[in-house]
Amino acid sequence: MTKIGIIRHGRTTWNVERRAQGSSDIPLDENGMEEAVKLAERLSSEEWNLIYASPLARAKQTAEYIAAKLGNLPIQFDERLKEVDGGQIEGTTEAERLKKWGADWRELDLGIEKTEAVIKRGQLFFEELIKKHPEKNILIVSHGMFISHFLRQVVPHLEMKDALRNTSISTIVKGEKGWDCDLYNCTRHL
């Protein structure tokens, strides 16, 4: 049976400041590193075969902590796992966006990556992953918005009520009727 663990990266200073990160290459802050260590410890009691990760620093660092704790599992970095490109809003807070573009800023073309493009790259990645690694337990380290789009496509019946927390893990497994989520947004390691 194929099992996929999907992890959101650890905390960054921009998470604390509530700045749009998008494809900006922001590293983990000290708390984010501690979160990644705790997650790695939790995962060390489970069986995982390989890790894929976004090459952005915050996901890369999270994956490296996990890989080291799991006996130096190899990490394969894939551009398709990057966060949704935020265009002109990257680095800004909601208050700054309101001041600069007004209350309807979401309606403006500010260069934000289109949902369809995110879904397409996620689907291509997923199809390739499943074909290349059947019957494996695979960890994916990525970003909140990307993971949300990804899960909606793979497990459309999943109710995602809460925003994904830093270092949360969600696991999906392939059953007779397709993919199902058996763990969502779990941070019990924290």
N, C-alpha and C. Protein backbone atom coordinates (compact mmCIF):
# COMPACT_ATOMS: atom_id res chain seq x y z
N MET A 1 0.84 -1.18 0.00
CA MET A 1 0.00 0.00 0.00
C MET A 1 0.89 1.25 0.00
N THR A 2 0.51 2.22 -0.78
CA THR A 2 1.24 3.48 -0.82
C THR A 2 0.69 4.43 0.24
N LYS A 3 1.60 5.02 1.02
CA LYS A 3 1.22 5.99 2.04
C LYS A 3 2.06 7.24 1.82
N ILE A 4 1.40 8.39 1.89
CA ILE A 4 2.11 9.65 1.68
C ILE A 4 1.87 10.56 2.88
N GLY A 5 2.96 11.02 3.48
CA GLY A 5 2.89 11.97 4.57
C GLY A 5 3.23 13.35 4.03
N ILE A 6 2.30 14.29 4.17
CA ILE A 6 2.47 15.62 3.60
C ILE A 6 2.67 16.61 4.75
N ILE A 7 3.81 17.26 4.75
CA ILE A 7 4.25 18.10 5.87
C ILE A 7 4.37 19.56 5.44
N ARG A 8 3.83 20.44 6.28
CA ARG A 8 4.09 21.86 6.09
C ARG A 8 5.38 22.19 6.84
N HIS A 9 6.19 23.03 6.26
CA HIS A 9 7.48 23.42 6.85
C HIS A 9 7.32 24.05 8.24
N GLY A 10 8.43 24.18 8.96
CA GLY A 10 8.45 24.84 10.27
C GLY A 10 8.27 26.34 10.15
N ARG A 11 8.16 26.98 11.29
CA ARG A 11 7.86 28.41 11.38
C ARG A 11 9.02 29.29 10.89
N THR A 12 8.66 30.44 10.32
CA THR A 12 9.63 31.45 9.89
C THR A 12 9.26 32.78 10.55
N THR A 13 10.17 33.75 10.47
CA THR A 13 9.84 35.07 11.01
C THR A 13 8.67 35.69 10.24
N TRP A 14 8.56 35.40 8.95
CA TRP A 14 7.45 35.94 8.17
C TRP A 14 6.12 35.32 8.60
N ASN A 15 6.14 34.05 9.06
CA ASN A 15 4.91 33.47 9.62
C ASN A 15 4.46 34.27 10.83
N VAL A 16 5.42 34.60 11.71
CA VAL A 16 5.11 35.35 12.92
C VAL A 16 4.57 36.73 12.57
N GLU A 17 5.18 37.37 11.59
CA GLU A 17 4.77 38.72 11.17
C GLU A 17 3.55 38.71 10.25
N ARG A 18 3.10 37.51 9.89
CA ARG A 18 1.94 37.31 9.00
C ARG A 18 2.17 37.97 7.63
N ARG A 19 3.39 37.78 7.12
CA ARG A 19 3.74 38.28 5.79
C ARG A 19 3.53 37.17 4.76
N ALA A 20 3.05 37.52 3.60
CA ALA A 20 2.90 36.56 2.51
C ALA A 20 4.28 36.11 2.07
N GLN A 21 4.53 34.81 2.15
CA GLN A 21 5.86 34.29 1.79
C GLN A 21 5.94 33.89 0.33
N GLY A 22 4.94 33.15 -0.14
CA GLY A 22 4.96 32.70 -1.53
C GLY A 22 6.26 32.02 -1.88
N SER A 23 6.84 32.40 -3.01
CA SER A 23 8.08 31.77 -3.47
C SER A 23 9.33 32.46 -2.93
N SER A 24 9.16 33.42 -2.02
CA SER A 24 10.32 34.04 -1.37
C SER A 24 11.06 32.98 -0.56
N ASP A 25 12.37 33.05 -0.56
CA ASP A 25 13.18 32.01 0.07
C ASP A 25 13.54 32.40 1.50
N ILE A 26 12.62 32.15 2.41
CA ILE A 26 12.74 32.53 3.81
C ILE A 26 13.16 31.31 4.64
N PRO A 27 14.19 31.42 5.49
CA PRO A 27 14.62 30.28 6.31
C PRO A 27 13.74 30.12 7.55
N LEU A 28 13.88 28.97 8.19
CA LEU A 28 13.21 28.74 9.46
C LEU A 28 13.77 29.69 10.51
N ASP A 29 12.93 30.08 11.46
CA ASP A 29 13.44 30.81 12.62
C ASP A 29 13.80 29.78 13.69
N GLU A 30 14.27 30.23 14.84
CA GLU A 30 14.70 29.30 15.89
C GLU A 30 13.57 28.36 16.32
N ASN A 31 12.38 28.91 16.46
CA ASN A 31 11.22 28.09 16.83
C ASN A 31 10.92 27.07 15.75
N GLY A 32 11.04 27.48 14.49
CA GLY A 32 10.81 26.57 13.37
C GLY A 32 11.78 25.40 13.36
N MET A 33 13.03 25.67 13.73
CA MET A 33 14.02 24.59 13.82
C MET A 33 13.65 23.62 14.93
N GLU A 34 13.20 24.15 16.06
CA GLU A 34 12.78 23.29 17.18
C GLU A 34 11.57 22.44 16.78
N GLU A 35 10.63 23.04 16.06
CA GLU A 35 9.45 22.30 15.58
C GLU A 35 9.89 21.15 14.67
N ALA A 36 10.83 21.44 13.77
CA ALA A 36 11.30 20.42 12.82
C ALA A 36 11.99 19.26 13.55
N VAL A 37 12.75 19.58 14.59
CA VAL A 37 13.41 18.54 15.39
C VAL A 37 12.36 17.65 16.06
N LYS A 38 11.33 18.26 16.62
CA LYS A 38 10.26 17.49 17.29
C LYS A 38 9.51 16.61 16.29
N LEU A 39 9.24 17.14 15.12
CA LEU A 39 8.58 16.34 14.09
C LEU A 39 9.46 15.18 13.66
N ALA A 40 10.74 15.44 13.47
CA ALA A 40 11.67 14.39 13.07
C ALA A 40 11.71 13.27 14.11
N GLU A 41 11.71 13.66 15.38
CA GLU A 41 11.69 12.66 16.46
C GLU A 41 10.43 11.81 16.37
N ARG A 42 9.31 12.44 16.16
CA ARG A 42 8.04 11.71 16.04
C ARG A 42 8.09 10.72 14.87
N LEU A 43 8.58 11.18 13.72
CA LEU A 43 8.60 10.34 12.52
C LEU A 43 9.60 9.20 12.62
N SER A 44 10.57 9.32 13.52
CA SER A 44 11.60 8.28 13.63
C SER A 44 11.04 6.94 14.12
N SER A 45 9.85 6.94 14.68
CA SER A 45 9.25 5.68 15.14
C SER A 45 8.35 5.06 14.05
N GLU A 46 8.33 5.68 12.89
CA GLU A 46 7.51 5.19 11.78
C GLU A 46 8.42 4.78 10.63
N GLU A 47 7.86 4.05 9.67
CA GLU A 47 8.65 3.61 8.52
C GLU A 47 8.38 4.50 7.32
N TRP A 48 9.42 5.20 6.88
CA TRP A 48 9.35 6.05 5.69
C TRP A 48 10.49 5.67 4.77
N ASN A 49 10.22 5.64 3.47
CA ASN A 49 11.22 5.18 2.49
C ASN A 49 11.97 6.31 1.80
N LEU A 50 11.33 7.44 1.59
CA LEU A 50 12.00 8.53 0.90
C LEU A 50 11.30 9.85 1.18
N ILE A 51 12.00 10.94 0.86
CA ILE A 51 11.50 12.29 1.12
C ILE A 51 11.62 13.12 -0.16
N TYR A 52 10.54 13.82 -0.47
CA TYR A 52 10.54 14.84 -1.51
C TYR A 52 10.29 16.17 -0.82
N ALA A 53 10.90 17.24 -1.32
CA ALA A 53 10.71 18.54 -0.68
C ALA A 53 10.81 19.67 -1.69
N SER A 54 10.16 20.76 -1.34
CA SER A 54 10.34 22.01 -2.05
C SER A 54 11.78 22.47 -1.82
N PRO A 55 12.41 23.09 -2.81
CA PRO A 55 13.78 23.57 -2.62
C PRO A 55 13.87 24.89 -1.84
N LEU A 56 12.73 25.51 -1.51
CA LEU A 56 12.78 26.75 -0.73
C LEU A 56 13.31 26.46 0.67
N ALA A 57 14.12 27.37 1.20
CA ALA A 57 14.88 27.14 2.44
C ALA A 57 14.04 26.58 3.58
N ARG A 58 12.86 27.12 3.83
CA ARG A 58 12.06 26.68 4.97
C ARG A 58 11.63 25.23 4.85
N ALA A 59 11.29 24.78 3.66
CA ALA A 59 10.93 23.38 3.45
C ALA A 59 12.18 22.51 3.41
N LYS A 60 13.21 23.00 2.77
CA LYS A 60 14.47 22.26 2.66
C LYS A 60 15.04 21.97 4.05
N GLN A 61 15.08 23.00 4.91
CA GLN A 61 15.62 22.81 6.26
C GLN A 61 14.78 21.81 7.05
N THR A 62 13.46 21.92 6.95
CA THR A 62 12.57 20.99 7.65
C THR A 62 12.85 19.56 7.18
N ALA A 63 12.96 19.37 5.88
CA ALA A 63 13.24 18.05 5.31
C ALA A 63 14.60 17.52 5.78
N GLU A 64 15.58 18.40 5.88
CA GLU A 64 16.92 17.97 6.30
C GLU A 64 16.93 17.46 7.75
N TYR A 65 16.20 18.12 8.64
CA TYR A 65 16.08 17.63 10.02
C TYR A 65 15.45 16.24 10.04
N ILE A 66 14.42 16.06 9.26
CA ILE A 66 13.72 14.78 9.21
C ILE A 66 14.63 13.71 8.63
N ALA A 67 15.27 14.01 7.51
CA ALA A 67 16.15 13.03 6.84
C ALA A 67 17.27 12.57 7.77
N ALA A 68 17.86 13.49 8.50
CA ALA A 68 18.96 13.15 9.41
C ALA A 68 18.47 12.19 10.50
N LYS A 69 17.30 12.46 11.05
CA LYS A 69 16.77 11.62 12.14
C LYS A 69 16.34 10.25 11.63
N LEU A 70 15.97 10.17 10.35
CA LEU A 70 15.52 8.90 9.76
C LEU A 70 16.66 8.14 9.10
N GLY A 71 17.88 8.36 9.54
CA GLY A 71 19.02 7.61 9.02
C GLY A 71 19.53 8.15 7.70
N ASN A 72 19.47 9.47 7.56
CA ASN A 72 19.95 10.14 6.35
C ASN A 72 19.26 9.66 5.07
N LEU A 73 17.94 9.60 5.14
CA LEU A 73 17.17 9.30 3.93
C LEU A 73 17.51 10.34 2.87
N PRO A 74 17.61 9.93 1.63
CA PRO A 74 17.88 10.92 0.58
C PRO A 74 16.68 11.82 0.37
N ILE A 75 16.95 13.09 0.11
CA ILE A 75 15.89 14.07 -0.17
C ILE A 75 15.96 14.41 -1.65
N GLN A 76 14.83 14.36 -2.30
CA GLN A 76 14.74 14.77 -3.69
C GLN A 76 13.97 16.09 -3.72
N PHE A 77 14.64 17.14 -4.18
CA PHE A 77 14.02 18.45 -4.23
C PHE A 77 13.32 18.61 -5.58
N ASP A 78 12.12 19.16 -5.53
CA ASP A 78 11.32 19.28 -6.74
C ASP A 78 10.67 20.66 -6.77
N GLU A 79 10.94 21.41 -7.83
CA GLU A 79 10.41 22.77 -8.00
C GLU A 79 8.88 22.81 -7.95
N ARG A 80 8.25 21.71 -8.35
CA ARG A 80 6.79 21.70 -8.39
C ARG A 80 6.16 21.74 -7.00
N LEU A 81 6.97 21.52 -5.96
CA LEU A 81 6.46 21.54 -4.58
C LEU A 81 6.58 22.92 -3.93
N LYS A 82 7.06 23.90 -4.68
CA LYS A 82 7.18 25.26 -4.13
C LYS A 82 5.80 25.83 -3.78
N GLU A 83 5.82 26.82 -2.90
CA GLU A 83 4.60 27.50 -2.52
C GLU A 83 4.02 28.27 -3.71
N VAL A 84 2.75 28.56 -3.64
CA VAL A 84 2.08 29.38 -4.64
C VAL A 84 2.84 30.71 -4.74
N ASP A 85 3.20 31.10 -5.94
CA ASP A 85 3.92 32.36 -6.15
C ASP A 85 2.98 33.51 -5.83
N GLY A 86 3.39 34.36 -4.90
CA GLY A 86 2.54 35.46 -4.45
C GLY A 86 2.67 36.73 -5.25
N GLY A 87 3.50 36.74 -6.27
CA GLY A 87 3.62 37.95 -7.09
C GLY A 87 3.98 39.17 -6.25
N GLN A 88 3.28 40.26 -6.46
CA GLN A 88 3.60 41.53 -5.80
C GLN A 88 3.25 41.55 -4.31
N ILE A 89 2.46 40.59 -3.84
CA ILE A 89 2.08 40.64 -2.42
C ILE A 89 3.13 40.00 -1.51
N GLU A 90 4.10 39.31 -2.08
CA GLU A 90 5.11 38.65 -1.25
C GLU A 90 5.83 39.68 -0.38
N GLY A 91 5.99 39.32 0.88
CA GLY A 91 6.67 40.18 1.82
C GLY A 91 5.76 41.20 2.49
N THR A 92 4.49 41.22 2.12
CA THR A 92 3.57 42.21 2.68
C THR A 92 2.61 41.58 3.69
N THR A 93 2.13 42.41 4.60
CA THR A 93 1.08 41.99 5.54
C THR A 93 -0.27 42.40 4.95
N GLU A 94 -1.34 41.90 5.54
CA GLU A 94 -2.68 42.29 5.09
C GLU A 94 -2.87 43.80 5.19
N ALA A 95 -2.42 44.41 6.30
CA ALA A 95 -2.55 45.87 6.47
C ALA A 95 -1.81 46.62 5.37
N GLU A 96 -0.63 46.15 5.00
CA GLU A 96 0.14 46.79 3.93
C GLU A 96 -0.56 46.64 2.58
N ARG A 97 -1.17 45.48 2.34
CA ARG A 97 -1.89 45.26 1.09
C ARG A 97 -3.11 46.19 1.01
N LEU A 98 -3.82 46.30 2.11
CA LEU A 98 -4.99 47.19 2.14
C LEU A 98 -4.59 48.64 1.87
N LYS A 99 -3.50 49.06 2.48
CA LYS A 99 -3.03 50.44 2.30
C LYS A 99 -2.60 50.70 0.86
N LYS A 100 -1.89 49.72 0.28
CA LYS A 100 -1.33 49.92 -1.06
C LYS A 100 -2.35 49.72 -2.18
N TRP A 101 -3.23 48.71 -2.05
CA TRP A 101 -4.12 48.37 -3.16
C TRP A 101 -5.61 48.48 -2.81
N GLY A 102 -5.94 48.71 -1.56
CA GLY A 102 -7.34 48.84 -1.17
C GLY A 102 -7.98 47.52 -0.79
N ALA A 103 -9.23 47.60 -0.35
CA ALA A 103 -9.96 46.44 0.17
C ALA A 103 -10.18 45.36 -0.89
N ASP A 104 -10.18 45.73 -2.15
CA ASP A 104 -10.41 44.75 -3.22
C ASP A 104 -9.11 44.24 -3.84
N TRP A 105 -8.02 44.26 -3.09
CA TRP A 105 -6.73 43.87 -3.65
C TRP A 105 -6.75 42.47 -4.24
N ARG A 106 -7.59 41.57 -3.70
CA ARG A 106 -7.65 40.19 -4.22
C ARG A 106 -8.21 40.14 -5.64
N GLU A 107 -8.92 41.17 -6.04
CA GLU A 107 -9.51 41.23 -7.37
C GLU A 107 -8.53 41.76 -8.42
N LEU A 108 -7.40 42.30 -7.98
CA LEU A 108 -6.41 42.89 -8.89
C LEU A 108 -5.46 41.82 -9.42
N ASP A 109 -4.90 42.09 -10.59
CA ASP A 109 -3.87 41.20 -11.13
C ASP A 109 -2.52 41.64 -10.57
N LEU A 110 -2.10 41.00 -9.50
CA LEU A 110 -0.85 41.35 -8.83
C LEU A 110 0.23 40.29 -9.06
N GLY A 111 0.01 39.46 -10.08
CA GLY A 111 1.01 38.46 -10.43
C GLY A 111 0.98 37.20 -9.58
N ILE A 112 -0.11 37.01 -8.85
CA ILE A 112 -0.23 35.80 -8.02
C ILE A 112 -0.49 34.61 -8.94
N GLU A 113 0.23 33.51 -8.68
CA GLU A 113 0.07 32.30 -9.49
C GLU A 113 -1.38 31.83 -9.46
N LYS A 114 -1.89 31.50 -10.60
CA LYS A 114 -3.28 31.05 -10.74
C LYS A 114 -3.46 29.66 -10.14
N THR A 115 -4.61 29.46 -9.52
CA THR A 115 -4.94 28.17 -8.89
C THR A 115 -4.79 27.02 -9.87
N GLU A 116 -5.23 27.22 -11.10
CA GLU A 116 -5.16 26.16 -12.11
C GLU A 116 -3.71 25.73 -12.35
N ALA A 117 -2.79 26.68 -12.36
CA ALA A 117 -1.37 26.36 -12.57
C ALA A 117 -0.81 25.57 -11.39
N VAL A 118 -1.22 25.94 -10.19
CA VAL A 118 -0.76 25.22 -8.99
C VAL A 118 -1.28 23.79 -9.03
N ILE A 119 -2.55 23.63 -9.35
CA ILE A 119 -3.16 22.30 -9.42
C ILE A 119 -2.48 21.45 -10.49
N LYS A 120 -2.20 22.04 -11.63
CA LYS A 120 -1.56 21.30 -12.72
C LYS A 120 -0.19 20.77 -12.30
N ARG A 121 0.63 21.64 -11.72
CA ARG A 121 1.97 21.16 -11.33
C ARG A 121 1.89 20.14 -10.20
N GLY A 122 0.91 20.30 -9.31
CA GLY A 122 0.71 19.31 -8.24
C GLY A 122 0.28 17.96 -8.79
N GLN A 123 -0.63 17.98 -9.77
CA GLN A 123 -1.09 16.73 -10.38
C GLN A 123 0.04 16.03 -11.12
N LEU A 124 0.82 16.79 -11.88
CA LEU A 124 1.94 16.19 -12.62
C LEU A 124 2.94 15.56 -11.66
N PHE A 125 3.24 16.27 -10.57
CA PHE A 125 4.16 15.73 -9.57
C PHE A 125 3.60 14.44 -8.98
N PHE A 126 2.34 14.46 -8.58
CA PHE A 126 1.71 13.32 -7.92
C PHE A 126 1.66 12.10 -8.84
N GLU A 127 1.26 12.29 -10.08
CA GLU A 127 1.20 11.17 -11.02
C GLU A 127 2.58 10.54 -11.21
N GLU A 128 3.59 11.37 -11.36
CA GLU A 128 4.96 10.88 -11.52
C GLU A 128 5.43 10.15 -10.26
N LEU A 129 5.13 10.71 -9.10
CA LEU A 129 5.54 10.13 -7.83
C LEU A 129 4.96 8.73 -7.65
N ILE A 130 3.68 8.57 -7.90
CA ILE A 130 2.99 7.29 -7.71
C ILE A 130 3.51 6.24 -8.69
N LYS A 131 3.76 6.66 -9.91
CA LYS A 131 4.28 5.73 -10.92
C LYS A 131 5.71 5.29 -10.57
N LYS A 132 6.51 6.23 -10.09
CA LYS A 132 7.92 5.97 -9.82
C LYS A 132 8.14 5.18 -8.52
N HIS A 133 7.25 5.35 -7.53
CA HIS A 133 7.46 4.74 -6.21
C HIS A 133 6.22 4.01 -5.70
N PRO A 134 5.77 2.97 -6.42
CA PRO A 134 4.59 2.25 -5.94
C PRO A 134 4.90 1.50 -4.63
N GLU A 135 3.88 1.41 -3.79
CA GLU A 135 3.99 0.64 -2.54
C GLU A 135 5.06 1.17 -1.58
N LYS A 136 5.32 2.46 -1.62
CA LYS A 136 6.32 3.07 -0.72
C LYS A 136 5.63 4.02 0.24
N ASN A 137 6.32 4.32 1.33
CA ASN A 137 5.89 5.34 2.29
C ASN A 137 6.74 6.58 2.03
N ILE A 138 6.09 7.63 1.57
CA ILE A 138 6.79 8.80 1.05
C ILE A 138 6.41 10.04 1.86
N LEU A 139 7.41 10.80 2.25
CA LEU A 139 7.18 12.09 2.90
C LEU A 139 7.36 13.20 1.88
N ILE A 140 6.47 14.19 1.94
CA ILE A 140 6.56 15.37 1.10
C ILE A 140 6.58 16.57 2.03
N VAL A 141 7.59 17.43 1.89
CA VAL A 141 7.68 18.65 2.70
C VAL A 141 7.45 19.84 1.78
N SER A 142 6.39 20.59 2.07
CA SER A 142 6.02 21.68 1.18
C SER A 142 5.46 22.85 1.99
N HIS A 143 4.45 23.51 1.44
CA HIS A 143 3.97 24.79 1.96
C HIS A 143 2.44 24.78 2.07
N GLY A 144 1.92 25.62 2.96
CA GLY A 144 0.51 25.62 3.30
C GLY A 144 -0.46 25.71 2.14
N MET A 145 -0.33 26.73 1.32
CA MET A 145 -1.29 26.89 0.21
C MET A 145 -1.14 25.78 -0.83
N PHE A 146 0.10 25.41 -1.13
CA PHE A 146 0.31 24.33 -2.09
C PHE A 146 -0.34 23.04 -1.57
N ILE A 147 -0.10 22.72 -0.31
CA ILE A 147 -0.65 21.48 0.27
C ILE A 147 -2.18 21.52 0.25
N SER A 148 -2.77 22.66 0.57
CA SER A 148 -4.23 22.78 0.55
C SER A 148 -4.79 22.48 -0.84
N HIS A 149 -4.20 23.07 -1.88
CA HIS A 149 -4.64 22.79 -3.25
C HIS A 149 -4.44 21.32 -3.59
N PHE A 150 -3.30 20.78 -3.21
CA PHE A 150 -2.94 19.40 -3.49
C PHE A 150 -3.96 18.44 -2.85
N LEU A 151 -4.24 18.63 -1.57
CA LEU A 151 -5.17 17.75 -0.87
C LEU A 151 -6.59 17.84 -1.45
N ARG A 152 -7.01 19.03 -1.84
CA ARG A 152 -8.36 19.18 -2.42
C ARG A 152 -8.49 18.38 -3.72
N GLN A 153 -7.39 18.25 -4.46
CA GLN A 153 -7.43 17.49 -5.71
C GLN A 153 -7.36 15.99 -5.48
N VAL A 154 -6.49 15.57 -4.58
CA VAL A 154 -6.27 14.14 -4.37
C VAL A 154 -7.39 13.52 -3.51
N VAL A 155 -7.87 14.28 -2.51
CA VAL A 155 -8.92 13.78 -1.61
C VAL A 155 -10.04 14.83 -1.59
N PRO A 156 -10.84 14.90 -2.66
CA PRO A 156 -11.83 15.97 -2.78
C PRO A 156 -12.89 15.98 -1.68
N HIS A 157 -13.15 14.85 -1.06
CA HIS A 157 -14.16 14.79 0.01
C HIS A 157 -13.61 15.21 1.38
N LEU A 158 -12.33 15.52 1.47
CA LEU A 158 -11.72 15.91 2.74
C LEU A 158 -12.21 17.29 3.17
N GLU A 159 -12.66 17.40 4.41
CA GLU A 159 -13.07 18.69 4.96
C GLU A 159 -11.85 19.33 5.62
N MET A 160 -11.41 20.44 5.07
CA MET A 160 -10.25 21.15 5.61
C MET A 160 -10.75 22.42 6.28
N LYS A 161 -11.04 22.32 7.56
CA LYS A 161 -11.63 23.45 8.30
C LYS A 161 -10.57 24.43 8.79
N ASP A 162 -9.44 23.93 9.21
CA ASP A 162 -8.41 24.78 9.81
C ASP A 162 -7.24 24.98 8.85
N ALA A 163 -6.59 26.14 8.96
CA ALA A 163 -5.37 26.38 8.19
C ALA A 163 -4.30 25.41 8.66
N LEU A 164 -3.47 24.97 7.75
CA LEU A 164 -2.40 24.04 8.11
C LEU A 164 -1.39 24.72 9.03
N ARG A 165 -1.07 24.04 10.12
CA ARG A 165 -0.12 24.57 11.09
C ARG A 165 1.31 24.19 10.69
N ASN A 166 2.26 24.97 11.15
CA ASN A 166 3.67 24.67 10.86
C ASN A 166 4.05 23.31 11.42
N THR A 167 4.76 22.56 10.64
CA THR A 167 5.20 21.17 10.86
C THR A 167 4.04 20.20 11.05
N SER A 168 2.85 20.56 10.59
CA SER A 168 1.74 19.60 10.65
C SER A 168 1.99 18.52 9.60
N ILE A 169 1.47 17.33 9.91
CA ILE A 169 1.53 16.24 8.95
C ILE A 169 0.11 15.76 8.68
N SER A 170 -0.14 15.53 7.41
CA SER A 170 -1.38 14.93 6.95
C SER A 170 -0.97 13.69 6.17
N THR A 171 -1.65 12.58 6.38
CA THR A 171 -1.28 11.37 5.64
C THR A 171 -2.45 10.91 4.78
N ILE A 172 -2.10 10.48 3.57
CA ILE A 172 -3.09 9.93 2.66
C ILE A 172 -2.66 8.53 2.27
N VAL A 173 -3.65 7.66 2.10
CA VAL A 173 -3.39 6.28 1.71
C VAL A 173 -4.32 5.91 0.56
N LYS A 174 -3.84 5.01 -0.26
CA LYS A 174 -4.63 4.56 -1.42
C LYS A 174 -5.46 3.37 -1.00
N GLY A 175 -6.77 3.50 -1.14
CA GLY A 175 -7.68 2.42 -0.83
C GLY A 175 -8.39 1.94 -2.09
N GLU A 176 -9.39 1.08 -1.90
CA GLU A 176 -10.12 0.53 -3.04
C GLU A 176 -10.87 1.60 -3.82
N LYS A 177 -11.33 2.63 -3.13
CA LYS A 177 -12.12 3.68 -3.78
C LYS A 177 -11.30 4.93 -4.09
N GLY A 178 -10.00 4.82 -4.04
CA GLY A 178 -9.14 5.97 -4.31
C GLY A 178 -8.40 6.41 -3.07
N TRP A 179 -7.96 7.65 -3.05
CA TRP A 179 -7.16 8.17 -1.95
C TRP A 179 -8.05 8.66 -0.82
N ASP A 180 -7.58 8.42 0.40
CA ASP A 180 -8.30 8.92 1.57
C ASP A 180 -7.28 9.48 2.56
N CYS A 181 -7.72 10.42 3.35
CA CYS A 181 -6.86 11.06 4.34
C CYS A 181 -7.14 10.42 5.70
N ASP A 182 -6.12 9.80 6.27
CA ASP A 182 -6.33 9.17 7.58
C ASP A 182 -5.76 9.99 8.74
N LEU A 183 -5.09 11.10 8.42
CA LEU A 183 -4.58 12.02 9.44
C LEU A 183 -4.51 13.39 8.79
N TYR A 184 -5.05 14.41 9.47
CA TYR A 184 -5.06 15.74 8.87
C TYR A 184 -4.53 16.79 9.84
N ASN A 185 -3.54 17.57 9.39
CA ASN A 185 -3.06 18.76 10.12
C ASN A 185 -2.64 18.43 11.55
N CYS A 186 -1.99 17.31 11.73
CA CYS A 186 -1.64 16.83 13.07
C CYS A 186 -0.31 17.41 13.54
N THR A 187 -0.32 17.99 14.73
CA THR A 187 0.90 18.54 15.35
C THR A 187 1.07 18.01 16.77
N ARG A 188 0.70 16.76 17.01
CA ARG A 188 0.80 16.23 18.37
C ARG A 188 2.25 16.20 18.87
N HIS A 189 3.22 16.27 17.97
CA HIS A 189 4.63 16.30 18.36
C HIS A 189 5.00 17.62 19.04
N LEU A 190 4.19 18.65 18.86
CA LEU A 190 4.49 19.94 19.47
C LEU A 190 3.89 20.02 20.86
